[in-house]
């Protein structure tokens, strides 16, 4: 899906919860990888590999000048004979450490084997994000999650397009909510010390 189609989709979704939800989740994803200097692992289930999301995040990383967004796609059935970008197996999740981000895309919940590895990665200090299944152990284990259930108005593929596009935006919309006092004070100081606009 190109930028024009994403823009049209956003117009259609204006006024729904999806725009805010996908931008918020994308902001968490981007903030996690950028603040730690990269290390994004992307994994799906044995039945659902998010290779399309991986490709979009690679594109967004290049277009936005944010190389940290380019993920390592972790595959269940990776073989040494596969091309390098497709040859990373589940053992990579076991090696995940503090400062890395693990994004799990799961339409119906991961199997026990993947769930154990995700749990180990979290215990080792990795940030775990979940996209997909609305309930279950993965949603509970994740530091942040965006639920896309079977009853959702949008399918998982469409939500992935919105998340990847928002993650690549250079200036993500501000998340509404309480700002810290220091943030408000800093903004006020900037406004007070900035030069007045020119009068033409």
Foldseek 3Di string as FASTA:
>chain_A
DDPVVLVVVCVVCPPHCLLLLLLVLLVVVLVLQVVLVAAEEEEEAQVDFVVVLLVLQCVLCVVLVNVRSRYQGEHDDADPPDPPSRRHYLVVLLVAAASHEYEYEYAADYDPVSLVSPLNNVVRHYAYEYEHDPDDDSCVSHPYYDYDHPPDPDHRVSSSVSNSVSNSDNDRPDNDDDDDPVVVVVVVVCVVPDDDDDDD
